[in-house]
Amino acid sequence: MPESAIPLLTVLALILAAEFVNGWTDAPNAIATVVSTRVLSPQRAVIFATGMNILGSMSGTAVAATIGKGIVQAEAINLSTVAAAMIAIVFWSTLAWYYGLPTSESHALIAGLTGAGLATAGPSVLLAEGWEKVGLGLVFSTFLGFLGGMGIMTAIYRLFYRRSPSSVRAFFGRAQILSSLFMAFSHGSNDGQKFIGAFSLALVLGGVLPEFQVPLWVILLCAATMGVGTMVGGWRIVRTMGLRITKLEPVHGFAAETGAALTIELASRLGIPLSTTHTINTAIMGVGSARRFSAVKWGVTLEIVTAWILTFPVCGLIAFGVTWLTKLVFGS
């Protein structure tokens, strides 16, 4: 192996490690509700989610392009910058996973690239257009997710209020299988593409690709890595998302997944990197609030929101610090 290839291979391994951790902490969002309502077993849900995540990741590259060339100037950073961002993601996400908190790998990745980029080249490295999309992603995931879940749940109440509870449960027990597949597909179309974008960026910085593009093998490798991560450690997050925020029946799971998936798909087609964690969380909160405000366990919600808020500064500072130390030790 040429010695010059070692730095690139190290960075690519770190990106796959971050994608694996993404499978622990973020991908379980796609299956949390369908598992908690017992419509699908965890094993079948993971298999279905992995397949649909791969298909979603292959459905477009707009989000990958935003991450790969829209957040920081590629020509102003180097492989050490990307490596520092991945180290921050793995550390923070593993810590949050240990406590069963669903973090946003989207925000961790963006914050990590930003912190490392600032340490590498200063404020001029940031790109305004990409950050505008990040801001839109916050609006989408917070407000559209909540309103989508609440709106669909309210509509279901009005359409099915004369039906018996058993018939409603039977109908949505089948319908939720479809909504969970839709949710997994949308997760791949947005969240699955983010590390694909980082992987492709590293290939550009390492001289493997002449310009930013997303090869098919990169999509398959990253999607498969995320799926393995979900199989290994996703249950902690499934428990928090599906069991601790509010009590869910299949009808509630259908409304939350459909509202979240519609929001995520809209963002994906616009190239907006949003947090799928935030989106499904707020959709679940919207569904619970449509029943009654007190149905949501707001204490658990506060823990989750705290993890969201801390993600940006923690990952940004870790990535900045790692990059600064690397420059201090190696001079580059």
Protein backbone atom coordinates (compact mmCIF):
# COMPACT_ATOMS: atom_id res chain seq x y z
CA MET A 1 0.00 0.00 0.00
CA PRO A 2 1.44 3.42 -0.93
CA GLU A 3 2.26 5.49 2.14
CA SER A 4 0.36 8.43 0.63
CA ALA A 5 -2.88 6.40 0.71
CA ILE A 6 -2.78 5.84 4.49
CA PRO A 7 -4.22 9.27 5.48
CA LEU A 8 -7.11 8.90 3.03
CA LEU A 9 -7.91 5.35 4.15
CA THR A 10 -7.81 6.48 7.78
CA VAL A 11 -10.30 9.27 7.10
CA LEU A 12 -12.59 6.97 5.11
CA ALA A 13 -12.52 4.50 8.02
CA LEU A 14 -13.48 7.31 10.42
CA ILE A 15 -16.38 8.30 8.15
CA LEU A 16 -17.63 4.70 8.14
CA ALA A 17 -17.26 4.63 11.94
CA ALA A 18 -19.43 7.74 12.14
CA GLU A 19 -21.94 6.15 9.75
CA PHE A 20 -21.96 3.04 11.94
CA VAL A 21 -22.71 5.18 15.00
CA ASN A 22 -25.38 6.90 12.92
CA GLY A 23 -26.99 3.48 12.68
CA TRP A 24 -27.02 3.31 16.48
CA THR A 25 -28.48 6.72 17.15
CA ASP A 26 -30.28 8.09 14.08
CA ALA A 27 -31.44 5.30 11.79
CA PRO A 28 -33.54 3.70 14.59
CA ASN A 29 -35.84 6.71 14.23
CA ALA A 30 -37.16 5.13 11.05
CA ILE A 31 -38.35 2.00 12.85
CA ALA A 32 -38.98 3.15 16.43
CA THR A 33 -42.73 3.59 16.17
CA VAL A 34 -43.45 0.45 14.15
CA VAL A 35 -41.50 -1.63 16.69
CA SER A 36 -43.05 0.04 19.74
CA THR A 37 -46.58 -0.60 18.43
CA ARG A 38 -45.59 -4.24 17.83
CA VAL A 39 -46.68 -4.13 14.20
CA LEU A 40 -43.26 -5.48 13.23
CA SER A 41 -40.66 -7.38 15.23
CA PRO A 42 -37.33 -5.58 15.72
CA GLN A 43 -35.59 -8.06 13.42
CA ARG A 44 -38.05 -7.63 10.53
CA ALA A 45 -38.19 -3.87 11.04
CA VAL A 46 -34.39 -3.58 10.79
CA ILE A 47 -34.30 -5.69 7.62
CA PHE A 48 -37.05 -3.65 5.97
CA ALA A 49 -35.53 -0.37 7.14
CA THR A 50 -32.08 -1.27 5.84
CA GLY A 51 -33.45 -2.09 2.39
CA MET A 52 -35.56 1.06 2.18
CA ASN A 53 -32.69 3.19 3.50
CA ILE A 54 -30.52 1.93 0.66
CA LEU A 55 -33.23 2.70 -1.90
CA GLY A 56 -33.75 6.13 -0.37
CA SER A 57 -30.02 6.84 -0.48
CA MET A 58 -30.05 6.03 -4.19
CA SER A 59 -33.04 8.27 -4.95
CA GLY A 60 -31.02 11.46 -5.37
CA THR A 61 -27.84 13.26 -4.38
CA ALA A 62 -29.05 16.79 -3.61
CA VAL A 63 -28.45 16.48 0.14
CA ALA A 64 -25.09 14.77 -0.35
CA ALA A 65 -24.05 17.67 -2.59
CA THR A 66 -25.08 20.21 0.06
CA ILE A 67 -22.96 18.46 2.69
CA GLY A 68 -20.03 17.76 0.37
CA LYS A 69 -19.68 21.19 -1.21
CA GLY A 70 -22.20 23.54 0.40
CA ILE A 71 -21.20 23.88 4.08
CA VAL A 72 -17.46 24.62 3.86
CA GLN A 73 -15.21 25.42 0.91
CA ALA A 74 -13.65 22.15 -0.21
CA GLU A 75 -10.56 23.88 -1.57
CA ALA A 76 -9.87 25.51 1.81
CA ILE A 77 -9.89 22.32 3.92
CA ASN A 78 -8.01 19.02 3.95
CA LEU A 79 -8.38 15.43 5.07
CA SER A 80 -7.49 16.36 8.65
CA THR A 81 -10.52 18.65 8.71
CA VAL A 82 -12.86 15.81 7.78
CA ALA A 83 -11.15 13.43 10.21
CA ALA A 84 -11.63 15.87 13.11
CA ALA A 85 -15.33 16.23 12.30
CA MET A 86 -15.78 12.44 12.33
CA ILE A 87 -13.98 12.07 15.67
CA ALA A 88 -16.34 14.64 17.20
CA ILE A 89 -19.40 12.80 15.82
CA VAL A 90 -18.30 9.38 17.06
CA PHE A 91 -17.49 10.67 20.56
CA TRP A 92 -20.67 12.70 21.07
CA SER A 93 -23.06 10.23 19.45
CA THR A 94 -21.65 7.27 21.38
CA LEU A 95 -22.05 9.20 24.64
CA ALA A 96 -25.65 10.10 23.81
CA TRP A 97 -26.41 6.51 22.70
CA TYR A 98 -25.16 5.22 26.06
CA TYR A 99 -27.83 7.30 27.77
CA GLY A 100 -30.49 6.33 25.22
CA LEU A 101 -30.81 9.84 23.76
CA PRO A 102 -31.52 10.18 20.02
CA THR A 103 -29.03 12.76 18.76
CA SER A 104 -29.00 14.40 15.36
CA GLU A 105 -26.15 13.15 13.22
CA SER A 106 -27.09 15.88 10.76
CA HIS A 107 -26.30 18.59 13.28
CA ALA A 108 -23.26 16.69 14.55
CA LEU A 109 -21.86 16.42 11.01
CA ILE A 110 -22.56 20.05 10.13
CA ALA A 111 -21.16 21.28 13.46
CA GLY A 112 -18.12 19.04 13.15
CA LEU A 113 -17.28 20.21 9.63
CA THR A 114 -17.84 23.81 10.72
CA GLY A 115 -15.65 23.62 13.82
CA ALA A 116 -12.85 21.82 11.99
CA GLY A 117 -13.18 24.17 9.01
CA LEU A 118 -12.90 27.24 11.22
CA ALA A 119 -9.75 25.86 12.85
CA THR A 120 -8.31 25.07 9.43
CA ALA A 121 -9.04 28.24 7.46
CA GLY A 122 -11.04 30.71 9.56
CA PRO A 123 -14.56 32.15 9.08
CA SER A 124 -14.15 32.62 5.32
CA VAL A 125 -14.40 28.84 4.91
CA LEU A 126 -18.17 28.89 5.60
CA LEU A 127 -20.59 29.04 2.65
CA ALA A 128 -23.72 31.14 3.11
CA GLU A 129 -25.89 29.18 0.67
CA GLY A 130 -25.41 25.90 2.50
CA TRP A 131 -26.07 27.51 5.87
CA GLU A 132 -29.33 28.96 4.56
CA LYS A 133 -30.41 25.39 3.84
CA VAL A 134 -29.33 24.33 7.33
CA GLY A 135 -31.58 27.05 8.76
CA LEU A 136 -34.48 25.88 6.61
CA GLY A 137 -33.85 22.35 7.85
CA LEU A 138 -34.35 23.49 11.44
CA VAL A 139 -37.70 25.03 10.48
CA PHE A 140 -38.77 21.94 8.56
CA SER A 141 -37.82 19.45 11.27
CA THR A 142 -39.27 21.44 14.17
CA PHE A 143 -42.47 23.01 12.87
CA LEU A 144 -43.45 20.96 9.81
CA GLY A 145 -42.76 17.72 11.65
CA PHE A 146 -44.95 18.71 14.61
CA LEU A 147 -47.74 20.14 12.44
CA GLY A 148 -47.58 17.19 10.06
CA GLY A 149 -48.04 14.64 12.84
CA MET A 150 -50.77 16.68 14.53
CA GLY A 151 -52.59 17.42 11.26
CA ILE A 152 -52.66 13.81 10.08
CA MET A 153 -53.74 12.57 13.52
CA THR A 154 -56.55 15.15 13.65
CA ALA A 155 -57.73 14.15 10.17
CA ILE A 156 -57.77 10.48 11.18
CA TYR A 157 -59.87 11.29 14.25
CA ARG A 158 -62.43 13.02 12.06
CA LEU A 159 -62.50 10.31 9.40
CA PHE A 160 -62.61 7.29 11.71
CA TYR A 161 -64.52 8.56 14.75
CA ARG A 162 -67.46 6.21 14.03
CA ARG A 163 -65.28 3.13 13.68
CA SER A 164 -64.73 0.74 16.57
CA PRO A 165 -61.29 0.79 18.23
CA SER A 166 -60.63 -2.80 17.13
CA SER A 167 -61.31 -2.06 13.46
CA VAL A 168 -59.16 1.08 13.58
CA ARG A 169 -56.32 -0.87 15.16
CA ALA A 170 -56.61 -3.65 12.55
CA PHE A 171 -56.62 -1.20 9.63
CA PHE A 172 -53.69 0.88 10.83
CA GLY A 173 -51.80 -2.21 11.92
CA ARG A 174 -51.50 -2.96 8.19
CA ALA A 175 -51.19 0.66 7.09
CA GLN A 176 -48.31 1.29 9.48
CA ILE A 177 -46.16 -1.23 7.66
CA LEU A 178 -46.38 1.04 4.60
CA SER A 179 -45.77 4.22 6.59
CA SER A 180 -42.70 2.68 8.25
CA LEU A 181 -41.29 1.76 4.83
CA PHE A 182 -41.97 5.32 3.66
CA MET A 183 -40.23 6.67 6.76
CA ALA A 184 -37.18 4.46 6.18
CA PHE A 185 -37.03 5.49 2.51
CA SER A 186 -37.20 9.18 3.41
CA HIS A 187 -34.51 8.68 6.07
CA GLY A 188 -32.20 7.28 3.41
CA SER A 189 -33.04 10.07 0.97
CA ASN A 190 -31.90 12.71 3.46
CA ASP A 191 -29.95 11.41 6.43
CA GLY A 192 -28.40 8.50 4.59
CA GLN A 193 -26.93 10.90 2.05
CA LYS A 194 -25.05 13.07 4.55
CA PHE A 195 -22.18 10.71 5.24
CA ILE A 196 -22.22 9.70 1.60
CA GLY A 197 -21.49 13.37 0.90
CA ALA A 198 -18.69 13.40 3.49
CA PHE A 199 -17.21 10.19 2.03
CA SER A 200 -17.27 11.66 -1.50
CA LEU A 201 -15.72 14.90 -0.20
CA ALA A 202 -12.85 12.89 1.31
CA LEU A 203 -12.31 11.14 -2.04
CA VAL A 204 -12.02 14.55 -3.70
CA LEU A 205 -9.58 15.84 -1.06
CA GLY A 206 -7.58 12.61 -1.38
CA GLY A 207 -7.27 12.98 -5.14
CA VAL A 208 -9.35 9.90 -6.00
CA LEU A 209 -12.16 11.93 -7.60
CA PRO A 210 -11.35 14.89 -9.88
CA GLU A 211 -14.51 16.74 -8.78
CA PHE A 212 -17.37 16.20 -6.36
CA GLN A 213 -19.64 13.34 -7.42
CA VAL A 214 -21.30 10.42 -5.67
CA PRO A 215 -20.29 6.96 -6.96
CA LEU A 216 -22.79 4.12 -6.59
CA TRP A 217 -20.36 2.01 -4.55
CA VAL A 218 -20.11 4.80 -1.98
CA ILE A 219 -23.91 4.85 -1.59
CA LEU A 220 -24.07 1.09 -1.09
CA LEU A 221 -21.11 0.97 1.32
CA CYS A 222 -22.40 3.77 3.54
CA ALA A 223 -26.00 2.53 3.55
CA ALA A 224 -24.92 -1.01 4.45
CA THR A 225 -22.68 0.30 7.26
CA MET A 226 -25.58 2.29 8.71
CA GLY A 227 -27.81 -0.80 8.56
CA VAL A 228 -25.30 -2.90 10.49
CA GLY A 229 -25.07 -0.19 13.13
CA THR A 230 -28.85 -0.25 13.59
CA MET A 231 -28.83 -4.03 14.01
CA VAL A 232 -26.07 -3.89 16.61
CA GLY A 233 -27.21 -1.08 18.88
CA GLY A 234 -30.42 0.60 17.79
CA TRP A 235 -32.74 -0.70 20.51
CA ARG A 236 -31.80 1.93 23.11
CA ILE A 237 -33.04 4.69 20.81
CA VAL A 238 -36.09 2.71 19.69
CA ARG A 239 -37.09 2.43 23.36
CA THR A 240 -36.76 6.19 23.95
CA MET A 241 -38.52 7.20 20.75
CA GLY A 242 -41.26 4.63 20.71
CA LEU A 243 -42.01 4.02 24.38
CA ARG A 244 -40.96 6.99 26.51
CA ILE A 245 -42.28 10.10 24.69
CA THR A 246 -45.94 9.06 24.51
CA LYS A 247 -47.99 5.88 24.36
CA LEU A 248 -48.37 4.81 20.75
CA GLU A 249 -50.92 2.61 18.98
CA PRO A 250 -50.60 1.71 15.28
CA VAL A 251 -52.81 4.65 14.28
CA HIS A 252 -50.49 7.05 16.13
CA GLY A 253 -47.41 5.43 14.62
CA PHE A 254 -48.93 5.76 11.13
CA ALA A 255 -49.66 9.47 11.64
CA ALA A 256 -46.21 10.23 13.06
CA GLU A 257 -44.32 8.30 10.40
CA THR A 258 -46.36 9.72 7.53
CA GLY A 259 -46.09 13.30 8.77
CA ALA A 260 -42.35 12.97 9.34
CA ALA A 261 -41.68 11.17 6.04
CA LEU A 262 -43.57 13.78 3.99
CA THR A 263 -41.56 16.55 5.64
CA ILE A 264 -38.25 14.76 5.09
CA GLU A 265 -39.01 13.93 1.46
CA LEU A 266 -39.86 17.55 0.69
CA ALA A 267 -36.56 18.65 2.24
CA SER A 268 -34.60 15.97 0.36
CA ARG A 269 -35.88 17.09 -3.04
CA LEU A 270 -34.88 20.67 -2.18
CA GLY A 271 -31.40 19.60 -1.07
CA ILE A 272 -32.10 20.66 2.52
CA PRO A 273 -30.20 18.62 5.14
CA LEU A 274 -32.55 18.33 8.10
CA SER A 275 -32.49 16.24 11.23
CA THR A 276 -34.61 13.12 10.82
CA THR A 277 -34.32 12.70 14.59
CA HIS A 278 -35.95 16.08 15.17
CA THR A 279 -38.57 15.45 12.53
CA ILE A 280 -39.88 12.12 13.82
CA ASN A 281 -39.59 13.36 17.42
CA THR A 282 -41.66 16.45 16.74
CA ALA A 283 -44.12 14.39 14.68
CA ILE A 284 -44.61 12.03 17.64
CA MET A 285 -45.11 15.06 19.90
CA GLY A 286 -47.66 16.43 17.43
CA VAL A 287 -49.55 13.14 17.42
CA GLY A 288 -49.55 13.04 21.22
CA SER A 289 -50.71 16.66 21.43
CA ALA A 290 -53.58 15.93 19.02
CA ARG A 291 -54.90 13.48 21.62
CA ARG A 292 -54.29 15.83 24.55
CA PHE A 293 -51.36 17.99 25.56
CA SER A 294 -50.69 15.97 28.69
CA ALA A 295 -50.32 12.75 26.65
CA VAL A 296 -46.75 13.78 25.84
CA LYS A 297 -44.14 13.06 28.52
CA TRP A 298 -42.55 16.49 28.42
CA GLY A 299 -39.84 15.55 30.94
CA VAL A 300 -38.45 12.97 28.50
CA THR A 301 -38.90 15.48 25.70
CA LEU A 302 -36.81 18.01 27.61
CA GLU A 303 -33.95 15.49 27.87
CA ILE A 304 -34.08 14.95 24.10
CA VAL A 305 -34.23 18.68 23.33
CA THR A 306 -31.25 19.27 25.63
CA ALA A 307 -29.24 16.73 23.61
CA TRP A 308 -30.29 18.52 20.41
CA ILE A 309 -29.15 21.90 21.73
CA LEU A 310 -25.81 20.58 22.99
CA THR A 311 -24.97 18.80 19.73
CA PHE A 312 -23.94 21.93 17.79
CA PRO A 313 -21.55 23.47 20.34
CA VAL A 314 -20.11 20.18 21.63
CA CYS A 315 -19.33 18.70 18.21
CA GLY A 316 -18.12 22.03 16.88
CA LEU A 317 -15.74 22.56 19.81
CA ILE A 318 -14.41 18.98 19.74
CA ALA A 319 -13.72 19.18 16.00
CA PHE A 320 -12.11 22.62 16.41
CA GLY A 321 -9.91 21.32 19.23
CA VAL A 322 -8.82 18.18 17.38
CA THR A 323 -7.94 20.22 14.27
CA TRP A 324 -6.03 22.79 16.33
CA LEU A 325 -4.03 20.06 18.08
CA THR A 326 -3.30 18.37 14.75
CA LYS A 327 -1.95 21.62 13.33
CA LEU A 328 0.08 22.21 16.48
CA VAL A 329 1.66 18.74 16.40
CA PHE A 330 2.03 18.16 12.67
CA GLY A 331 2.04 21.71 11.42
CA SER A 332 -0.72 21.18 8.84
